[in-house]
Protein backbone atom coordinates (compact mmCIF):
# COMPACT_ATOMS: atom_id res chain seq x y z
CA UNK A 1 10.72 -3.95 -198.60
CA UNK A 2 7.40 -6.58 -198.56
CA UNK A 3 4.33 -6.82 -199.15
CA UNK A 4 2.37 -7.64 -195.86
CA UNK A 5 0.74 -11.96 -195.75
CA UNK A 6 -1.77 -13.34 -193.88
CA UNK A 7 1.47 -14.61 -192.31
CA UNK A 8 2.94 -11.07 -190.78
CA UNK A 9 -0.23 -10.43 -189.14
CA UNK A 10 0.91 -11.76 -185.21
CA UNK A 11 4.59 -10.72 -185.56
CA UNK A 12 2.74 -7.50 -186.81
CA UNK A 13 0.92 -7.17 -183.91
CA UNK A 14 2.91 -8.32 -181.31
CA UNK A 15 5.27 -5.30 -182.63
CA UNK A 16 1.77 -2.49 -182.30
CA UNK A 17 1.47 -3.79 -178.53
CA UNK A 18 5.66 -2.57 -178.58
CA UNK A 19 5.08 0.52 -180.42
CA UNK A 20 1.33 1.47 -179.46
CA UNK A 21 0.22 -0.77 -176.17
CA UNK A 22 -2.31 2.22 -175.69
CA UNK A 23 -3.89 1.81 -179.32
CA UNK A 24 -2.28 -1.52 -180.71
CA UNK A 25 -4.68 -3.42 -183.32
CA UNK A 26 -4.59 -6.84 -182.46
CA UNK A 27 -4.73 -9.72 -184.95
CA UNK A 28 -8.35 -10.13 -186.12
CA UNK A 29 -7.80 -6.19 -187.07
CA UNK A 30 -4.24 -6.23 -189.07
CA UNK A 31 -6.02 -9.41 -191.07
CA UNK A 32 -9.38 -7.85 -191.95
CA UNK A 33 -7.32 -4.79 -193.29
CA UNK A 34 -4.17 -7.19 -195.03
CA UNK A 35 -6.56 -8.40 -196.39
CA UNK A 36 -9.25 -5.73 -197.53
CA UNK A 37 -8.57 -4.85 -201.40
CA UNK A 38 -8.40 -1.10 -200.89
CA UNK A 39 -5.93 -1.19 -198.74
CA UNK A 40 -1.83 -1.48 -199.17
CA UNK A 41 0.30 -2.92 -196.16
CA UNK A 42 4.14 -3.10 -196.72
CA UNK A 43 6.95 -4.67 -194.44
CA UNK A 44 10.33 -3.87 -193.79
CA UNK A 45 12.34 -7.26 -192.52
CA UNK A 46 15.77 -8.31 -192.66
CA UNK A 47 17.57 -10.22 -195.37
CA UNK A 48 17.51 -10.08 -198.82
CA UNK A 49 13.99 -11.01 -199.49
CA UNK A 50 12.88 -9.53 -196.40
CA UNK A 51 11.89 -13.20 -194.78
CA UNK A 52 13.74 -12.04 -191.22
CA UNK A 53 13.26 -9.43 -188.20
CA UNK A 54 10.87 -7.61 -188.42
CA UNK A 55 11.90 -4.33 -188.78
CA UNK A 56 8.76 -2.22 -189.42
CA UNK A 57 5.67 -2.02 -191.10
CA UNK A 58 3.02 0.26 -192.67
CA UNK A 59 -0.27 0.69 -194.14
CA UNK A 60 -2.91 2.64 -196.25
CA UNK A 61 -6.18 2.29 -197.45
CA UNK A 62 -7.24 3.42 -200.85
CA UNK A 63 -10.83 5.96 -201.77
CA UNK A 64 -10.56 7.84 -204.57
CA UNK A 65 -8.78 10.92 -205.08
CA UNK A 66 -7.81 10.15 -201.73
CA UNK A 67 -5.76 8.32 -199.02
CA UNK A 68 -5.21 7.50 -196.14
CA UNK A 69 -2.20 6.18 -193.65
CA UNK A 70 -3.44 3.66 -191.54
CA UNK A 71 -0.39 2.92 -190.17
CA UNK A 72 3.82 2.99 -189.75
CA UNK A 73 6.31 1.51 -187.18
CA UNK A 74 9.72 1.44 -186.95
CA UNK A 75 11.71 -1.14 -184.18
CA UNK A 76 14.64 0.03 -185.24
CA UNK A 77 14.80 4.03 -184.74
CA UNK A 78 17.39 6.21 -187.10
CA UNK A 79 18.06 3.96 -189.97
CA UNK A 80 15.47 5.81 -192.37
CA UNK A 81 13.04 3.28 -191.79
CA UNK A 82 10.58 5.32 -190.86
CA UNK A 83 10.66 7.51 -194.17
CA UNK A 84 11.37 4.70 -196.44
CA UNK A 85 8.05 3.33 -195.48
CA UNK A 86 6.10 6.78 -195.78
CA UNK A 87 6.92 6.58 -199.72
CA UNK A 88 6.02 3.28 -200.16
CA UNK A 89 2.34 4.49 -199.12
CA UNK A 90 2.85 7.65 -200.94
CA UNK A 91 3.68 5.20 -203.92
CA UNK A 92 1.19 3.25 -203.26
CA UNK A 93 -0.86 5.74 -202.85
CA UNK A 94 -0.16 7.72 -206.53
CA UNK A 95 -0.71 3.77 -208.40
CA UNK A 96 -3.54 3.74 -206.59
CA UNK A 97 -5.23 7.03 -208.49
CA UNK A 98 -5.06 9.49 -204.94
CA UNK A 99 -4.34 12.86 -205.18
CA UNK A 100 -3.60 13.72 -201.55
CA UNK A 101 -2.74 11.50 -198.59
CA UNK A 102 -3.71 12.26 -195.24
CA UNK A 103 -2.97 10.69 -191.15
CA UNK A 104 -3.98 11.08 -188.41
CA UNK A 105 -1.17 12.19 -185.48
CA UNK A 106 -1.29 12.23 -181.27
CA UNK A 107 -1.08 15.85 -180.57
CA UNK A 108 0.88 15.09 -177.57
CA UNK A 109 3.70 12.89 -180.35
CA UNK A 110 5.93 15.22 -181.08
CA UNK A 111 8.18 13.52 -182.81
CA UNK A 112 5.61 12.46 -185.74
CA UNK A 113 4.79 15.41 -186.05
CA UNK A 114 8.17 16.81 -186.84
CA UNK A 115 8.50 13.36 -189.23
CA UNK A 116 5.63 14.08 -190.97
CA UNK A 117 6.65 18.21 -191.51
CA UNK A 118 9.71 17.92 -192.64
CA UNK A 119 8.93 14.82 -194.95
CA UNK A 120 6.09 17.91 -197.02
CA UNK A 121 2.72 16.94 -194.23
CA UNK A 122 0.68 20.40 -193.52
CA UNK A 123 -1.80 20.26 -190.26
CA UNK A 124 -5.08 20.62 -191.84
CA UNK A 125 -7.43 19.83 -188.59
CA UNK A 126 -7.75 19.01 -185.20
CA UNK A 127 -10.50 16.23 -184.29
CA UNK A 128 -10.81 16.36 -180.59
CA UNK A 129 -10.63 13.89 -178.16
CA UNK A 130 -9.73 11.37 -181.53
CA UNK A 131 -7.37 9.01 -179.23
CA UNK A 132 -8.40 7.75 -175.74
CA UNK A 133 -5.71 6.46 -173.42
CA UNK A 134 -5.77 5.71 -170.23
CA UNK A 135 -8.77 8.32 -169.02
CA UNK A 136 -7.52 10.54 -170.94
CA UNK A 137 -8.23 12.50 -173.94
CA UNK A 138 -5.99 13.13 -177.19
CA UNK A 139 -6.55 15.59 -179.70
CA UNK A 140 -5.28 14.24 -183.19
CA UNK A 141 -3.68 16.11 -185.36
CA UNK A 142 -5.29 15.56 -189.09
CA UNK A 143 -2.34 16.59 -192.06
CA UNK A 144 -2.18 15.88 -195.46
CA UNK A 145 0.24 15.58 -198.26
CA UNK A 146 -0.58 16.76 -201.89
CA UNK A 147 0.84 13.39 -203.71
CA UNK A 148 0.83 15.19 -207.00
CA UNK A 149 3.65 17.74 -206.85
């Protein structure tokens, strides 16, 4: 894994389209995120120096004692990539002074909900109609994990 740079934006944007076709971030949004001083973005890529094929990516926003998981995406399932990316985000949040990490997950995304629950996240709120997918409104479940433990 290595820190994401503006040079990675196009490849991440293509991955976003593959993984999240209805809510993908575009290259401009991703570039702004990666360059923002209160954001931390990482990519996982093949090769010893992480310069090969993109395998996954993740990013957080730091906000005092709280951090938000903005995105996490894996292009290779079942090898622990998501867990490694989430662990990186949690560590970056701690280093940035966060005591808790928040995230939103689509209510209908059972796989992601299960992943976060296994990682120690608990549902704390619901955002009604947060996602707008093909004319449907889907609730977002807000989950959090205490990073002090």
